[in-house]
Every structure is written in C-alpha cells, then in structure tokens.
Amino acid sequence: MHIQDSHWQSAVAPASAADGNGSGRAGSGGTSRSAPLRVDAQRNLEHVLRAAREVFGELGYGAPMEDVARRARVGVGTVYRRFPSKDVLVRRIAEEETSRLTEQARTALGQEEEPWSALARFLRTSVASGAGRLLPPQVLRVGVDGDEPTVVTDTEPLDDTRVPQQRAAAQPGLRVVPPRPIPAEEQDDSGAADLLEVVGRLVERARAAGELRGDVTVADVLLVIATAAPSLPDAAQQEAASARLLDILLEGLRPRAV
C-alpha cells in the first residue's frame, strides 16, 4: 500500500522556502534545512510502525492510536500525520505481515523437496518471526462449515478468532480492547488470498504424500501459527515456550499410525 506523503512534505516546504537559493544560514556546505526534517520524519515513521506491531500484537487491532503513539514516544498528531486514520495504519501492518508470510511459504515450497519438510519449515519460520501475533483478522475469520478458509464478508466481530485478545485475556493485569470491525475494502484482500493459495499448496502436497492428516485444512495451519506464539514477559521463556508448543502441534498434524 502506498502511503501519501503530502502531510510531511507540506511541513518541510516552508523551511526550504525560507532558505531561498540555499545561501542563507545553511552554512558553507550549502546543506538544506529540510534534510534534518526528512531524517526525523523517517525515524518517526519507523518508530510508529515498530510500536504499532508491538501494540497490535499484544492487544489486537482494536488497540487505540494513543497506545501506539505512547509506545513510539511521539505525539498522537505525529501518528496521524503519516496515517490519516487508524484503518490506514492497520492495513499497512496487516499487508506487511501477510506479504512476509506469503514469501516464507513460497520459500519453503521452492527450497524443500519433501512435502512435510516444506510445511514444517514454513510453520517454524512463521512462528519464530512472531507472525501469529499480527495475522490479519480476515485471514483468521474462517467459515466453520467449509473445508478451507474464506474471507468472511460480514462485519460482526468474532472474539474467538481474535488471537491477540485471547492471549491478553489469559494474562492477569493486561488490558483487553474491543475487536476492530473490518472495513469493506479489507474484506476482499488480494494479499490474504495469495497467502491462502500458497499455504493451500503446502497443505495439499503434504496431504497427498500421506504425511499430513486428511482432515487438516489451511485454516488449521494458520491457527497453528496464531496459537504457537504465546506472549510472555521473558524473551527466552517465550522462545522456548513457542518451540515446545509448536513441536506438540506439529505432532498433532501428522497422520496416526494404523
């Protein structure tokens, strides 16, 4: 998604105009006064995106923009200058996460000859990267009656699929925020469709090779990614818990010996 830069560009324009031909107070090096502003703007953007990933990962996509600004240590106005609405920020984070997961799935398909090794590699890589904390909500909103996940087109919140909120609710002292309704433009997301298609190929290969339970669907694989990323205060403990939980879940995906 392309984020419009009109807000910060208009902010630096007056400074550049004040310098005239650049021979004012720019010094002997002729440095423009707009350069530091550009550096600051880029730094603030990185801080906001990093904070958004952390906050949304902990509290879900329903977390307010004020929480993101507080975590980024910037004013909420700075957040809104780069992202005119919360939906724009959420879409940016969700699209980046979906793209990353899709590339991880494609890499596993292209580099692993064995079907089970490809699926297991994708799951381990995704869980290790913390992808489960930021899976786009529409990807997890799967139809319970269908064989494979589809993007649900209603806008009623489904709390049982909001994995970040499930983690928060399980930990005393953490604030749980209401779920965020999904805008219409996010319900038909080509990025999410690409992810489901590639993961579907991983599932079909492993199933056809007899290395995956016949009743396992793409939805189950995505839920493994989501649930195998517990949020714990200690980083080492969290890594160990994720690895252990994923080992158990992977074993559960394997067909039972007859």
C-alpha atoms as a PDB file:
ATOM      1  CA  MET A   1       0.000   0.000   0.000  1.00  0.00           C
ATOM      2  CA  HIS A   2       1.250   3.462  -0.853  1.00  0.00           C
ATOM      3  CA  ILE A   3       1.113   5.963   1.992  1.00  0.00           C
ATOM      4  CA  GLN A   4       0.658   9.550   0.911  1.00  0.00           C
ATOM      5  CA  ASP A   5       3.497  11.829   1.980  1.00  0.00           C
ATOM      6  CA  SER A   6       1.625  15.109   1.491  1.00  0.00           C
ATOM      7  CA  HIS A   7       1.483  15.842   5.220  1.00  0.00           C
ATOM      8  CA  TRP A   8       5.199  15.854   5.979  1.00  0.00           C
ATOM      9  CA  GLN A   9       6.126  17.285   2.571  1.00  0.00           C
ATOM     10  CA  SER A  10       3.984  20.325   3.272  1.00  0.00           C
ATOM     11  CA  ALA A  11       5.683  20.614   6.640  1.00  0.00           C
ATOM     12  CA  VAL A  12       9.174  20.825   5.177  1.00  0.00           C
ATOM     13  CA  ALA A  13       8.243  23.155   2.314  1.00  0.00           C
ATOM     14  CA  PRO A  14       8.195  26.365   4.383  1.00  0.00           C
ATOM     15  CA  ALA A  15      11.665  25.631   5.731  1.00  0.00           C
ATOM     16  CA  SER A  16      13.036  25.154   2.230  1.00  0.00           C
ATOM     17  CA  ALA A  17      11.355  28.347   1.000  1.00  0.00           C
ATOM     18  CA  ALA A  18      12.874  30.309   3.862  1.00  0.00           C
ATOM     19  CA  ASP A  19      16.345  29.330   2.662  1.00  0.00           C
ATOM     20  CA  GLY A  20      15.727  30.905  -0.743  1.00  0.00           C
ATOM     21  CA  ASN A  21      18.543  29.746  -3.027  1.00  0.00           C
ATOM     22  CA  GLY A  22      20.246  27.865  -0.241  1.00  0.00           C
ATOM     23  CA  SER A  23      22.781  30.606   0.578  1.00  0.00           C
ATOM     24  CA  GLY A  24      21.105  31.767   3.783  1.00  0.00           C
ATOM     25  CA  ARG A  25      22.072  30.089   7.056  1.00  0.00           C
ATOM     26  CA  ALA A  26      22.768  26.761   5.502  1.00  0.00           C
ATOM     27  CA  GLY A  27      26.492  27.289   6.047  1.00  0.00           C
ATOM     28  CA  SER A  28      29.415  26.822   3.732  1.00  0.00           C
ATOM     29  CA  GLY A  29      28.347  23.290   2.886  1.00  0.00           C
ATOM     30  CA  GLY A  30      25.055  24.545   1.444  1.00  0.00           C
ATOM     31  CA  THR A  31      23.053  21.990   3.452  1.00  0.00           C
ATOM     32  CA  SER A  32      19.293  22.444   3.120  1.00  0.00           C
ATOM     33  CA  ARG A  33      17.267  22.882   6.289  1.00  0.00           C
ATOM     34  CA  SER A  34      14.788  20.275   5.028  1.00  0.00           C
ATOM     35  CA  ALA A  35      17.295  17.406   5.320  1.00  0.00           C
ATOM     36  CA  PRO A  36      17.063  17.012   9.134  1.00  0.00           C
ATOM     37  CA  LEU A  37      13.270  17.099   8.884  1.00  0.00           C
ATOM     38  CA  ARG A  38      13.338  14.289   6.357  1.00  0.00           C
ATOM     39  CA  VAL A  39      15.571  12.224   8.635  1.00  0.00           C
ATOM     40  CA  ASP A  40      13.291  12.906  11.602  1.00  0.00           C
ATOM     41  CA  ALA A  41      10.210  12.016   9.594  1.00  0.00           C
ATOM     42  CA  GLN A  42      11.697   8.702   8.513  1.00  0.00           C
ATOM     43  CA  ARG A  43      12.823   7.924  12.047  1.00  0.00           C
ATOM     44  CA  ASN A  44       9.368   8.739  13.429  1.00  0.00           C
ATOM     45  CA  LEU A  45       7.757   6.513  10.793  1.00  0.00           C
ATOM     46  CA  GLU A  46       9.981   3.600  11.793  1.00  0.00           C
ATOM     47  CA  HIS A  47       9.193   4.179  15.469  1.00  0.00           C
ATOM     48  CA  VAL A  48       5.450   4.271  14.758  1.00  0.00           C
ATOM     49  CA  LEU A  49       5.482   1.093  12.668  1.00  0.00           C
ATOM     50  CA  ARG A  50       7.545  -0.762  15.260  1.00  0.00           C
ATOM     51  CA  ALA A  51       5.268   0.412  18.055  1.00  0.00           C
ATOM     52  CA  ALA A  52       2.152  -0.500  16.071  1.00  0.00           C
ATOM     53  CA  ARG A  53       3.395  -4.051  15.583  1.00  0.00           C
ATOM     54  CA  GLU A  54       4.078  -4.386  19.295  1.00  0.00           C
ATOM     55  CA  VAL A  55       0.806  -2.832  20.471  1.00  0.00           C
ATOM     56  CA  PHE A  56      -1.414  -4.636  17.974  1.00  0.00           C
ATOM     57  CA  GLY A  57       0.407  -7.870  18.706  1.00  0.00           C
ATOM     58  CA  GLU A  58      -0.277  -7.526  22.427  1.00  0.00           C
ATOM     59  CA  LEU A  59      -3.780  -6.040  22.405  1.00  0.00           C
ATOM     60  CA  GLY A  60      -5.187  -6.831  18.975  1.00  0.00           C
ATOM     61  CA  TYR A  61      -6.073  -4.489  16.147  1.00  0.00           C
ATOM     62  CA  GLY A  62      -8.681  -2.819  18.342  1.00  0.00           C
ATOM     63  CA  ALA A  63      -5.975  -1.002  20.340  1.00  0.00           C
ATOM     64  CA  PRO A  64      -6.274   2.815  20.087  1.00  0.00           C
ATOM     65  CA  MET A  65      -3.857   5.047  18.214  1.00  0.00           C
ATOM     66  CA  GLU A  66      -2.953   6.727  21.502  1.00  0.00           C
ATOM     67  CA  ASP A  67      -1.381   3.462  22.673  1.00  0.00           C
ATOM     68  CA  VAL A  68       0.696   3.303  19.507  1.00  0.00           C
ATOM     69  CA  ALA A  69       1.855   6.904  19.923  1.00  0.00           C
ATOM     70  CA  ARG A  70       2.734   6.325  23.575  1.00  0.00           C
ATOM     71  CA  ARG A  71       4.790   3.236  22.728  1.00  0.00           C
ATOM     72  CA  ALA A  72       6.544   5.087  19.896  1.00  0.00           C
ATOM     73  CA  ARG A  73       7.215   8.038  22.236  1.00  0.00           C
ATOM     74  CA  VAL A  74       5.727  10.507  19.788  1.00  0.00           C
ATOM     75  CA  GLY A  75       2.639  12.675  19.881  1.00  0.00           C
ATOM     76  CA  VAL A  76      -0.570  11.190  18.522  1.00  0.00           C
ATOM     77  CA  GLY A  77      -0.546  14.001  15.959  1.00  0.00           C
ATOM     78  CA  THR A  78       2.684  12.591  14.548  1.00  0.00           C
ATOM     79  CA  VAL A  79       0.976   9.242  14.019  1.00  0.00           C
ATOM     80  CA  TYR A  80      -1.978  10.840  12.259  1.00  0.00           C
ATOM     81  CA  ARG A  81       0.286  12.895  10.007  1.00  0.00           C
ATOM     82  CA  ARG A  82       1.633   9.694   8.492  1.00  0.00           C
ATOM     83  CA  PHE A  83      -1.559   7.645   8.808  1.00  0.00           C
ATOM     84  CA  PRO A  84      -4.706   9.791   8.418  1.00  0.00           C
ATOM     85  CA  SER A  85      -6.880   7.134  10.062  1.00  0.00           C
ATOM     86  CA  LYS A  86      -6.375   4.063  12.174  1.00  0.00           C
ATOM     87  CA  ASP A  87      -7.637   1.853   9.341  1.00  0.00           C
ATOM     88  CA  VAL A  88      -4.740   3.051   7.168  1.00  0.00           C
ATOM     89  CA  LEU A  89      -2.204   2.062   9.838  1.00  0.00           C
ATOM     90  CA  VAL A  90      -3.851  -1.306  10.497  1.00  0.00           C
ATOM     91  CA  ARG A  91      -3.952  -2.050   6.792  1.00  0.00           C
ATOM     92  CA  ARG A  92      -0.253  -1.179   6.451  1.00  0.00           C
ATOM     93  CA  ILE A  93       0.746  -3.550   9.268  1.00  0.00           C
ATOM     94  CA  ALA A  94      -1.588  -6.336   8.087  1.00  0.00           C
ATOM     95  CA  GLU A  95      -0.393  -6.095   4.484  1.00  0.00           C
ATOM     96  CA  GLU A  96       3.263  -6.207   5.521  1.00  0.00           C
ATOM     97  CA  GLU A  97       2.642  -9.256   7.700  1.00  0.00           C
ATOM     98  CA  THR A  98       0.623 -11.024   5.009  1.00  0.00           C
ATOM     99  CA  SER A  99       3.341 -10.353   2.427  1.00  0.00           C
ATOM    100  CA  ARG A 100       6.029 -11.668   4.754  1.00  0.00           C
ATOM    101  CA  LEU A 101       4.095 -14.876   5.471  1.00  0.00           C
ATOM    102  CA  THR A 102       3.413 -15.414   1.771  1.00  0.00           C
ATOM    103  CA  GLU A 103       7.118 -15.096   0.938  1.00  0.00           C
ATOM    104  CA  GLN A 104       8.006 -17.510   3.731  1.00  0.00           C
ATOM    105  CA  ALA A 105       5.534 -20.037   2.327  1.00  0.00           C
ATOM    106  CA  ARG A 106       6.903 -19.617  -1.206  1.00  0.00           C
ATOM    107  CA  THR A 107      10.463 -20.045   0.038  1.00  0.00           C
ATOM    108  CA  ALA A 108       9.523 -23.280   1.787  1.00  0.00           C
ATOM    109  CA  LEU A 109       7.819 -24.548  -1.379  1.00  0.00           C
ATOM    110  CA  GLY A 110      10.800 -23.698  -3.551  1.00  0.00           C
ATOM    111  CA  GLN A 111      13.612 -24.933  -1.322  1.00  0.00           C
ATOM    112  CA  GLU A 112      12.228 -28.056   0.346  1.00  0.00           C
ATOM    113  CA  GLU A 113      11.664 -31.138  -1.806  1.00  0.00           C
ATOM    114  CA  GLU A 114       9.934 -33.171   0.892  1.00  0.00           C
ATOM    115  CA  PRO A 115       6.303 -32.064   1.393  1.00  0.00           C
ATOM    116  CA  TRP A 116       6.346 -32.400   5.171  1.00  0.00           C
ATOM    117  CA  SER A 117       9.691 -30.620   5.472  1.00  0.00           C
ATOM    118  CA  ALA A 118       8.292 -27.707   3.444  1.00  0.00           C
ATOM    119  CA  LEU A 119       5.200 -27.378   5.624  1.00  0.00           C
ATOM    120  CA  ALA A 120       7.157 -27.747   8.863  1.00  0.00           C
ATOM    121  CA  ARG A 121       9.728 -25.192   7.711  1.00  0.00           C
ATOM    122  CA  PHE A 122       7.010 -22.677   6.914  1.00  0.00           C
ATOM    123  CA  LEU A 123       5.400 -23.148  10.320  1.00  0.00           C
ATOM    124  CA  ARG A 124       8.676 -22.915  12.244  1.00  0.00           C
ATOM    125  CA  THR A 125       9.824 -19.824  10.357  1.00  0.00           C
ATOM    126  CA  SER A 126       6.466 -18.097  10.780  1.00  0.00           C
ATOM    127  CA  VAL A 127       6.200 -18.839  14.483  1.00  0.00           C
ATOM    128  CA  ALA A 128       9.805 -17.801  15.131  1.00  0.00           C
ATOM    129  CA  SER A 129       9.159 -14.447  13.450  1.00  0.00           C
ATOM    130  CA  GLY A 130       6.174 -13.771  15.698  1.00  0.00           C
ATOM    131  CA  ALA A 131       3.796 -13.739  12.741  1.00  0.00           C
ATOM    132  CA  GLY A 132       0.967 -15.230  14.772  1.00  0.00           C
ATOM    133  CA  ARG A 133       0.590 -12.024  16.740  1.00  0.00           C
ATOM    134  CA  LEU A 134      -0.238  -9.995  13.644  1.00  0.00           C
ATOM    135  CA  LEU A 135      -2.139 -12.341  11.370  1.00  0.00           C
ATOM    136  CA  PRO A 136      -4.715 -10.182   9.560  1.00  0.00           C
ATOM    137  CA  PRO A 137      -8.124 -10.645  11.192  1.00  0.00           C
ATOM    138  CA  GLN A 138      -9.843 -11.544   7.913  1.00  0.00           C
ATOM    139  CA  VAL A 139      -7.451 -14.468   7.461  1.00  0.00           C
ATOM    140  CA  LEU A 140      -8.471 -15.928  10.813  1.00  0.00           C
ATOM    141  CA  ARG A 141     -12.186 -15.275  10.244  1.00  0.00           C
ATOM    142  CA  VAL A 142     -12.751 -18.657   8.646  1.00  0.00           C
ATOM    143  CA  GLY A 143     -16.071 -20.359   7.977  1.00  0.00           C
ATOM    144  CA  VAL A 144     -16.547 -23.240  10.402  1.00  0.00           C
ATOM    145  CA  ASP A 145     -18.643 -25.227   7.936  1.00  0.00           C
ATOM    146  CA  GLY A 146     -16.264 -25.012   4.989  1.00  0.00           C
ATOM    147  CA  ASP A 147     -13.305 -27.232   4.208  1.00  0.00           C
ATOM    148  CA  GLU A 148     -10.964 -24.319   3.646  1.00  0.00           C
ATOM    149  CA  PRO A 149     -10.765 -20.767   4.991  1.00  0.00           C
ATOM    150  CA  THR A 150     -12.501 -17.947   3.170  1.00  0.00           C
ATOM    151  CA  VAL A 151     -12.665 -14.259   3.880  1.00  0.00           C
ATOM    152  CA  VAL A 152     -15.906 -13.609   5.747  1.00  0.00           C
ATOM    153  CA  THR A 153     -17.817 -10.634   4.396  1.00  0.00           C
ATOM    154  CA  ASP A 154     -19.852  -9.681   7.432  1.00  0.00           C
ATOM    155  CA  THR A 155     -18.604  -7.118   9.912  1.00  0.00           C
ATOM    156  CA  GLU A 156     -19.722  -8.724  13.167  1.00  0.00           C
ATOM    157  CA  PRO A 157     -16.732  -9.180  15.484  1.00  0.00           C
ATOM    158  CA  LEU A 158     -15.780 -12.773  16.226  1.00  0.00           C
ATOM    159  CA  ASP A 159     -13.948 -12.714  19.532  1.00  0.00           C
ATOM    160  CA  ASP A 160     -12.955 -16.382  19.333  1.00  0.00           C
ATOM    161  CA  THR A 161     -10.755 -15.680  16.309  1.00  0.00           C
ATOM    162  CA  ARG A 162      -9.032 -12.624  17.735  1.00  0.00           C
ATOM    163  CA  VAL A 163      -5.890 -14.402  18.804  1.00  0.00           C
ATOM    164  CA  PRO A 164      -4.018 -11.393  20.275  1.00  0.00           C
ATOM    165  CA  GLN A 165      -7.006 -10.736  22.533  1.00  0.00           C
ATOM    166  CA  GLN A 166      -7.115 -14.371  23.590  1.00  0.00           C
ATOM    167  CA  ARG A 167      -3.539 -14.081  24.820  1.00  0.00           C
ATOM    168  CA  ALA A 168      -4.247 -10.855  26.636  1.00  0.00           C
ATOM    169  CA  ALA A 169      -7.323 -12.273  28.334  1.00  0.00           C
ATOM    170  CA  ALA A 170      -5.304 -15.215  29.602  1.00  0.00           C
ATOM    171  CA  GLN A 171      -2.835 -12.988  31.408  1.00  0.00           C
ATOM    172  CA  PRO A 172      -3.963 -11.103  34.527  1.00  0.00           C
ATOM    173  CA  GLY A 173      -3.258  -7.400  34.520  1.00  0.00           C
ATOM    174  CA  LEU A 174      -3.321  -6.958  30.748  1.00  0.00           C
ATOM    175  CA  ARG A 175      -5.970  -4.706  29.222  1.00  0.00           C
ATOM    176  CA  VAL A 176      -8.257  -6.260  26.629  1.00  0.00           C
ATOM    177  CA  VAL A 177      -9.598  -3.915  23.966  1.00  0.00           C
ATOM    178  CA  PRO A 178     -12.761  -4.434  21.893  1.00  0.00           C
ATOM    179  CA  PRO A 179     -12.293  -6.000  18.455  1.00  0.00           C
ATOM    180  CA  ARG A 180     -11.982  -3.713  15.462  1.00  0.00           C
ATOM    181  CA  PRO A 181     -14.687  -4.061  12.787  1.00  0.00           C
ATOM    182  CA  ILE A 182     -13.176  -4.898   9.404  1.00  0.00           C
ATOM    183  CA  PRO A 183     -13.767  -2.212   6.740  1.00  0.00           C
ATOM    184  CA  ALA A 184     -15.288  -3.369   3.452  1.00  0.00           C
ATOM    185  CA  GLU A 185     -12.094  -2.674   1.493  1.00  0.00           C
ATOM    186  CA  GLU A 186     -10.167  -5.104   3.720  1.00  0.00           C
ATOM    187  CA  GLN A 187     -12.657  -7.951   3.351  1.00  0.00           C
ATOM    188  CA  ASP A 188     -11.605  -8.668  -0.236  1.00  0.00           C
ATOM    189  CA  ASP A 189      -7.851  -8.559   0.204  1.00  0.00           C
ATOM    190  CA  SER A 190      -5.714  -9.923  -2.631  1.00  0.00           C
ATOM    191  CA  GLY A 191      -2.743 -10.259  -0.282  1.00  0.00           C
ATOM    192  CA  ALA A 192      -4.731 -12.530   2.012  1.00  0.00           C
ATOM    193  CA  ALA A 193      -5.927 -14.533  -0.997  1.00  0.00           C
ATOM    194  CA  ASP A 194      -2.324 -15.037  -2.134  1.00  0.00           C
ATOM    195  CA  LEU A 195      -1.358 -16.256   1.333  1.00  0.00           C
ATOM    196  CA  LEU A 196      -4.240 -18.736   1.461  1.00  0.00           C
ATOM    197  CA  GLU A 197      -3.376 -20.023  -2.024  1.00  0.00           C
ATOM    198  CA  VAL A 198       0.307 -20.653  -1.249  1.00  0.00           C
ATOM    199  CA  VAL A 199      -0.372 -22.248   2.123  1.00  0.00           C
ATOM    200  CA  GLY A 200      -3.013 -24.364   0.408  1.00  0.00           C
ATOM    201  CA  ARG A 201      -0.345 -25.742  -1.906  1.00  0.00           C
ATOM    202  CA  LEU A 202       1.819 -26.672   1.078  1.00  0.00           C
ATOM    203  CA  VAL A 203      -1.122 -28.446   2.706  1.00  0.00           C
ATOM    204  CA  GLU A 204      -2.134 -30.310  -0.464  1.00  0.00           C
ATOM    205  CA  ARG A 205       1.410 -31.569  -1.079  1.00  0.00           C
ATOM    206  CA  ALA A 206       1.810 -32.872   2.459  1.00  0.00           C
ATOM    207  CA  ARG A 207      -1.655 -34.431   2.430  1.00  0.00           C
ATOM    208  CA  ALA A 208      -1.093 -36.126  -0.943  1.00  0.00           C
ATOM    209  CA  ALA A 209       2.194 -37.576   0.345  1.00  0.00           C
ATOM    210  CA  GLY A 210       0.384 -39.109   3.304  1.00  0.00           C
ATOM    211  CA  GLU A 211       2.409 -37.000   5.739  1.00  0.00           C
ATOM    212  CA  LEU A 212      -0.467 -34.798   6.908  1.00  0.00           C
ATOM    213  CA  ARG A 213      -3.742 -35.815   8.484  1.00  0.00           C
ATOM    214  CA  GLY A 214      -6.506 -35.929   5.923  1.00  0.00           C
ATOM    215  CA  ASP A 215      -8.772 -33.629   7.913  1.00  0.00           C
ATOM    216  CA  VAL A 216      -6.197 -30.855   8.332  1.00  0.00           C
ATOM    217  CA  THR A 217      -7.084 -27.691   6.403  1.00  0.00           C
ATOM    218  CA  VAL A 218      -5.406 -24.395   5.601  1.00  0.00           C
ATOM    219  CA  ALA A 219      -7.397 -22.910   8.474  1.00  0.00           C
ATOM    220  CA  ASP A 220      -5.795 -25.376  10.878  1.00  0.00           C
ATOM    221  CA  VAL A 221      -2.309 -24.456   9.667  1.00  0.00           C
ATOM    222  CA  LEU A 222      -2.968 -20.747  10.142  1.00  0.00           C
ATOM    223  CA  LEU A 223      -4.335 -21.391  13.625  1.00  0.00           C
ATOM    224  CA  VAL A 224      -1.129 -23.259  14.484  1.00  0.00           C
ATOM    225  CA  ILE A 225       0.837 -20.127  13.575  1.00  0.00           C
ATOM    226  CA  ALA A 226      -1.509 -17.990  15.648  1.00  0.00           C
ATOM    227  CA  THR A 227      -1.599 -20.148  18.761  1.00  0.00           C
ATOM    228  CA  ALA A 228       2.071 -21.152  18.833  1.00  0.00           C
ATOM    229  CA  ALA A 229       3.183 -17.591  19.602  1.00  0.00           C
ATOM    230  CA  PRO A 230       2.449 -17.048  23.311  1.00  0.00           C
ATOM    231  CA  SER A 231       3.181 -13.599  24.704  1.00  0.00           C
ATOM    232  CA  LEU A 232       5.404 -13.933  27.759  1.00  0.00           C
ATOM    233  CA  PRO A 233       7.352 -11.200  29.603  1.00  0.00           C
ATOM    234  CA  ASP A 234      10.698 -13.019  29.349  1.00  0.00           C
ATOM    235  CA  ALA A 235      12.070 -13.315  25.793  1.00  0.00           C
ATOM    236  CA  ALA A 236      13.994 -16.535  26.435  1.00  0.00           C
ATOM    237  CA  GLN A 237      10.997 -18.135  28.102  1.00  0.00           C
ATOM    238  CA  GLN A 238       8.756 -17.056  25.232  1.00  0.00           C
ATOM    239  CA  GLU A 239      11.108 -18.549  22.630  1.00  0.00           C
ATOM    240  CA  ALA A 240      11.335 -21.835  24.494  1.00  0.00           C
ATOM    241  CA  ALA A 241       7.570 -21.995  25.031  1.00  0.00           C
ATOM    242  CA  SER A 242       6.888 -21.288  21.349  1.00  0.00           C
ATOM    243  CA  ALA A 243       9.285 -24.005  20.214  1.00  0.00           C
ATOM    244  CA  ARG A 244       7.832 -26.554  22.630  1.00  0.00           C
ATOM    245  CA  LEU A 245       4.238 -25.724  21.750  1.00  0.00           C
ATOM    246  CA  LEU A 246       4.975 -25.885  18.033  1.00  0.00           C
ATOM    247  CA  ASP A 247       6.583 -29.327  18.410  1.00  0.00           C
ATOM    248  CA  ILE A 248       3.406 -30.579  20.070  1.00  0.00           C
ATOM    249  CA  LEU A 249       1.158 -29.001  17.421  1.00  0.00           C
ATOM    250  CA  LEU A 250       3.252 -30.375  14.557  1.00  0.00           C
ATOM    251  CA  GLU A 251       2.986 -33.849  16.010  1.00  0.00           C
ATOM    252  CA  GLY A 252      -0.772 -33.395  16.098  1.00  0.00           C
ATOM    253  CA  LEU A 253      -0.835 -32.635  12.374  1.00  0.00           C
ATOM    254  CA  ARG A 254       0.822 -35.926  11.469  1.00  0.00           C
ATOM    255  CA  PRO A 255      -1.342 -38.916  10.460  1.00  0.00           C
ATOM    256  CA  ARG A 256      -1.863 -41.528  13.132  1.00  0.00           C
ATOM    257  CA  ALA A 257      -0.132 -44.859  12.730  1.00  0.00           C
ATOM    258  CA  VAL A 258      -2.561 -47.636  11.845  1.00  0.00           C
END
